[in-house]
Amino acid sequence: MNEIVKISNQMNTLGFRNFTSKEMDLFFAICSRVREQGTQELAFSFEKLRELSSYKPTSNDRFVDDLIRTNTKLMNLNVNFDDGNEYVAFVLFPTFRINREEQTLKIAVNNEFSFLLNELTNNFARFELEQFTYLKSSYAKTMYRLLKQFKSTGFFVISIEEFRETLDIPVNYRMSEIDKKVFAPIRKELFPLYDRFEIEKVKKKGNKIVQLKFHFMEKTAPKKIKVPLHDFTK
């Protein structure tokens, strides 16, 4: 499996609040298949969704429950656009139909906002679904997506307030707790994917952290060396 997830940068910066790691896997597995498919209703077998999302539990009842929870949280997401004049809130998948007997999920993308997953040319993030589902921490998954958006520069800057909001960090977490419960799993899970991975804390007077800078460089695949074959007939 080497599915590619390709989403608009606007979608990529959404904070998936209260989503578990597995619910993120299910959502982005769906995204990998609906992209560039317009707004037509699409059907997925449970078997295919399990494969795409690296879903391990075997119970169909549990799988259906996880799909329902994922969609419920999607519906509760504050997905909106505000251009200063018009404010619009919407649901990404207005159709989300689960058939337990047929073991299928049928969905359709919101027609008005299909550009988030379709017609992508510039300003999009692209990542491998298999690598994404390998990560266990929801914090690591979100940082992985964000860094993919800045892959070409290897540099990402974010204010501490936006960082807290995007990663859905509890408001009562102090920096010492963020170090242990957020940065620790991010470093542990993302470090093997990069030749360079550094988190720089930018402080103002009073030692208050106001900004985070991420410096990173993805590991490059080793080049295949062609070994000439010896002709033993000579």
Protein backbone atom coordinates (compact mmCIF):
# COMPACT_ATOMS: atom_id res chain seq x y z
CA MET A 1 0.00 0.00 0.00
CA ASN A 2 1.42 3.37 -1.01
CA GLU A 3 -1.65 5.61 -1.18
CA ILE A 4 -1.03 9.35 -1.47
CA VAL A 5 -3.13 11.87 0.44
CA LYS A 6 -3.37 15.22 -1.31
CA ILE A 7 -5.37 18.02 0.33
CA SER A 8 -5.54 21.80 0.11
CA ASN A 9 -3.47 23.82 2.56
CA GLN A 10 -6.71 25.23 3.98
CA MET A 11 -7.79 21.70 4.88
CA ASN A 12 -4.34 20.85 6.20
CA THR A 13 -4.39 23.62 8.80
CA LEU A 14 -7.66 22.46 10.36
CA GLY A 15 -7.39 21.48 14.00
CA PHE A 16 -8.93 18.02 14.34
CA ARG A 17 -10.07 18.59 17.90
CA ASN A 18 -10.77 15.52 20.02
CA PHE A 19 -9.92 13.15 17.16
CA THR A 20 -8.12 9.99 18.21
CA SER A 21 -5.17 8.73 16.22
CA LYS A 22 -7.33 6.00 14.66
CA GLU A 23 -10.10 8.45 13.71
CA MET A 24 -7.52 10.58 11.90
CA ASP A 25 -6.36 7.46 10.04
CA LEU A 26 -9.91 6.69 8.92
CA PHE A 27 -10.59 10.25 7.79
CA PHE A 28 -7.41 10.61 5.74
CA ALA A 29 -7.85 7.11 4.30
CA ILE A 30 -11.19 8.33 2.93
CA CYS A 31 -9.55 11.55 1.67
CA SER A 32 -6.96 9.53 -0.26
CA ARG A 33 -9.75 7.92 -2.29
CA VAL A 34 -12.22 10.78 -2.78
CA ARG A 35 -9.65 13.27 -4.08
CA GLU A 36 -10.10 14.17 -7.73
CA GLN A 37 -13.40 12.25 -7.81
CA GLY A 38 -15.66 15.28 -7.92
CA THR A 39 -18.84 15.19 -5.85
CA GLN A 40 -20.24 11.86 -7.00
CA GLU A 41 -21.27 9.39 -4.31
CA LEU A 42 -18.52 6.84 -3.75
CA ALA A 43 -18.71 3.42 -2.10
CA PHE A 44 -15.99 1.85 0.04
CA SER A 45 -15.92 -1.69 1.36
CA PHE A 46 -15.09 -2.13 5.03
CA GLU A 47 -12.22 -4.37 3.93
CA LYS A 48 -10.64 -1.63 1.80
CA LEU A 49 -11.03 1.03 4.48
CA ARG A 50 -9.42 -1.29 7.04
CA GLU A 51 -6.50 -1.85 4.68
CA LEU A 52 -6.03 1.84 3.86
CA SER A 53 -6.20 2.98 7.48
CA SER A 54 -4.15 0.07 8.89
CA TYR A 55 -7.12 -0.73 11.12
CA LYS A 56 -6.27 -3.72 13.36
CA PRO A 57 -9.40 -4.67 15.41
CA THR A 58 -11.44 -7.35 13.65
CA SER A 59 -14.91 -6.64 15.06
CA ASN A 60 -17.28 -5.10 12.50
CA ASP A 61 -19.38 -3.57 15.27
CA ARG A 62 -16.34 -1.75 16.62
CA PHE A 63 -15.35 -0.64 13.13
CA VAL A 64 -18.82 0.81 12.50
CA ASP A 65 -18.72 2.57 15.88
CA ASP A 66 -15.36 4.12 14.97
CA LEU A 67 -16.70 5.28 11.59
CA ILE A 68 -19.73 6.86 13.26
CA ARG A 69 -17.58 8.61 15.87
CA THR A 70 -15.27 9.89 13.14
CA ASN A 71 -18.17 11.37 11.18
CA THR A 72 -19.76 12.85 14.32
CA LYS A 73 -16.52 14.66 15.12
CA LEU A 74 -16.23 15.82 11.50
CA MET A 75 -19.71 17.32 11.75
CA ASN A 76 -18.71 19.09 14.96
CA LEU A 77 -15.56 20.58 13.42
CA ASN A 78 -15.65 24.33 13.01
CA VAL A 79 -15.01 24.17 9.25
CA ASN A 80 -15.57 27.64 7.86
CA PHE A 81 -14.32 30.40 5.62
CA ASP A 82 -14.48 34.11 6.33
CA ASP A 83 -13.24 36.59 3.71
CA GLY A 84 -14.12 39.62 5.81
CA ASN A 85 -17.47 39.99 4.10
CA GLU A 86 -19.04 36.56 4.02
CA TYR A 87 -18.84 33.83 6.65
CA VAL A 88 -19.65 30.26 5.61
CA ALA A 89 -19.67 27.09 7.74
CA PHE A 90 -20.16 23.67 6.18
CA VAL A 91 -19.96 19.89 6.52
CA LEU A 92 -17.38 18.23 4.26
CA PHE A 93 -19.33 14.98 3.72
CA PRO A 94 -23.10 15.71 3.58
CA THR A 95 -23.65 12.04 2.70
CA PHE A 96 -22.15 9.45 5.05
CA ARG A 97 -24.12 6.21 4.71
CA ILE A 98 -23.03 3.01 6.48
CA ASN A 99 -24.58 -0.32 5.48
CA ARG A 100 -23.79 -2.98 8.08
CA GLU A 101 -25.18 -5.87 6.03
CA GLU A 102 -23.30 -4.97 2.84
CA GLN A 103 -20.31 -3.78 4.90
CA THR A 104 -19.95 -0.60 2.89
CA LEU A 105 -19.57 3.12 3.47
CA LYS A 106 -21.02 5.53 0.90
CA ILE A 107 -20.01 9.17 0.97
CA ALA A 108 -20.17 12.29 -1.18
CA VAL A 109 -18.14 15.49 -0.89
CA ASN A 110 -19.90 18.82 -0.33
CA ASN A 111 -20.41 20.26 -3.82
CA GLU A 112 -19.67 23.88 -2.87
CA PHE A 113 -16.40 23.05 -1.12
CA SER A 114 -15.14 20.13 -3.18
CA PHE A 115 -12.05 22.19 -4.07
CA LEU A 116 -10.59 21.19 -0.70
CA LEU A 117 -10.08 17.68 -2.10
CA ASN A 118 -10.48 18.20 -5.84
CA GLU A 119 -8.96 20.37 -8.55
CA LEU A 120 -5.69 20.69 -6.65
CA THR A 121 -2.92 22.39 -8.58
CA ASN A 122 -1.05 24.75 -6.26
CA ASN A 123 -1.03 25.24 -2.49
CA PHE A 124 -1.60 21.68 -1.39
CA ALA A 125 -0.03 19.22 1.03
CA ARG A 126 0.90 15.71 -0.05
CA PHE A 127 1.89 12.78 2.14
CA GLU A 128 1.97 8.99 2.17
CA LEU A 129 -0.96 7.39 3.96
CA GLU A 130 1.07 4.36 5.04
CA GLN A 131 3.62 6.58 6.76
CA PHE A 132 0.85 8.65 8.35
CA THR A 133 -0.97 5.62 9.80
CA TYR A 134 2.34 4.30 11.16
CA LEU A 135 2.46 7.25 13.56
CA LYS A 136 0.62 6.63 16.83
CA SER A 137 0.36 10.04 18.50
CA SER A 138 -2.29 12.45 17.20
CA TYR A 139 0.20 15.27 17.93
CA ALA A 140 2.82 13.58 15.73
CA LYS A 141 0.27 13.03 12.96
CA THR A 142 -0.73 16.70 12.91
CA MET A 143 2.88 17.91 12.89
CA TYR A 144 3.69 15.41 10.12
CA ARG A 145 0.94 16.93 7.95
CA LEU A 146 2.00 20.50 8.69
CA LEU A 147 5.67 19.85 7.93
CA LYS A 148 4.77 18.19 4.62
CA GLN A 149 3.26 21.52 3.58
CA PHE A 150 6.70 23.14 3.99
CA LYS A 151 8.76 20.26 2.66
CA SER A 152 10.43 22.42 0.00
CA THR A 153 11.83 24.91 2.55
CA GLY A 154 12.49 22.65 5.53
CA PHE A 155 11.38 25.50 7.79
CA PHE A 156 8.07 26.09 9.56
CA VAL A 157 7.14 28.90 11.98
CA ILE A 158 4.03 29.04 14.13
CA SER A 159 2.93 31.14 17.10
CA ILE A 160 2.52 29.29 20.36
CA GLU A 161 -1.20 30.21 20.43
CA GLU A 162 -1.82 28.79 16.96
CA PHE A 163 0.26 25.73 17.81
CA ARG A 164 -1.91 25.03 20.85
CA GLU A 165 -5.09 25.49 18.83
CA THR A 166 -4.05 23.47 15.78
CA LEU A 167 -2.81 20.51 17.83
CA ASP A 168 -5.77 20.75 20.22
CA ILE A 169 -3.54 21.00 23.29
CA PRO A 170 -5.46 21.30 26.58
CA VAL A 171 -5.60 24.94 27.66
CA ASN A 172 -4.33 24.10 31.14
CA TYR A 173 -1.07 22.57 29.85
CA ARG A 174 1.99 24.51 30.96
CA MET A 175 5.11 24.49 28.82
CA SER A 176 6.65 21.77 31.00
CA GLU A 177 3.64 19.55 30.24
CA ILE A 178 3.80 20.41 26.53
CA ASP A 179 7.44 19.31 26.59
CA LYS A 180 6.53 15.92 28.08
CA LYS A 181 3.16 15.18 26.49
CA VAL A 182 3.39 16.94 23.11
CA PHE A 183 7.00 17.53 22.07
CA ALA A 184 8.22 14.16 23.41
CA PRO A 185 5.96 11.97 21.20
CA ILE A 186 6.50 14.32 18.24
CA ARG A 187 10.28 13.97 18.53
CA LYS A 188 10.12 10.23 19.17
CA GLU A 189 7.91 9.43 16.19
CA LEU A 190 9.09 11.99 13.64
CA PHE A 191 12.84 11.91 14.29
CA PRO A 192 13.33 8.59 12.40
CA LEU A 193 11.75 10.17 9.29
CA TYR A 194 14.19 13.07 9.10
CA ASP A 195 17.93 13.58 8.77
CA ARG A 196 17.40 16.83 10.64
CA PHE A 197 14.59 17.64 13.06
CA GLU A 198 14.88 20.54 15.52
CA ILE A 199 12.33 22.54 17.50
CA GLU A 200 13.43 26.06 18.38
CA LYS A 201 11.53 27.99 21.06
CA VAL A 202 11.49 31.75 20.48
CA LYS A 203 11.21 33.78 23.68
CA LYS A 204 10.41 37.38 24.50
CA LYS A 205 11.32 39.39 27.57
CA GLY A 206 10.27 37.63 30.71
CA ASN A 207 11.30 34.27 29.24
CA LYS A 208 7.83 33.75 27.74
CA ILE A 209 7.72 31.48 24.68
CA VAL A 210 5.82 33.21 21.88
CA GLN A 211 6.81 31.26 18.77
CA LEU A 212 8.08 27.89 17.59
CA LYS A 213 10.42 27.28 14.68
CA PHE A 214 10.77 23.82 13.15
CA HIS A 215 13.92 23.04 11.16
CA PHE A 216 13.77 19.74 9.28
CA MET A 217 15.12 17.74 6.37
CA GLU A 218 13.49 14.54 5.19
CA LYS A 219 15.54 11.39 4.85
CA THR A 220 16.44 10.65 1.27
CA ALA A 221 15.98 7.18 -0.12
CA PRO A 222 19.32 5.46 -0.74
CA LYS A 223 20.33 5.40 -4.36
CA LYS A 224 20.26 2.02 -6.02
CA ILE A 225 23.68 0.99 -7.24
CA LYS A 226 23.72 -0.94 -10.47
CA VAL A 227 26.13 -3.85 -10.28
CA PRO A 228 27.34 -5.02 -13.69
CA LEU A 229 26.66 -8.69 -14.32
CA HIS A 230 29.63 -10.84 -15.25
CA ASP A 231 29.30 -12.78 -18.48
CA PHE A 232 30.50 -16.27 -17.55
CA THR A 233 30.20 -17.46 -21.15
CA LYS A 234 33.38 -15.60 -22.06
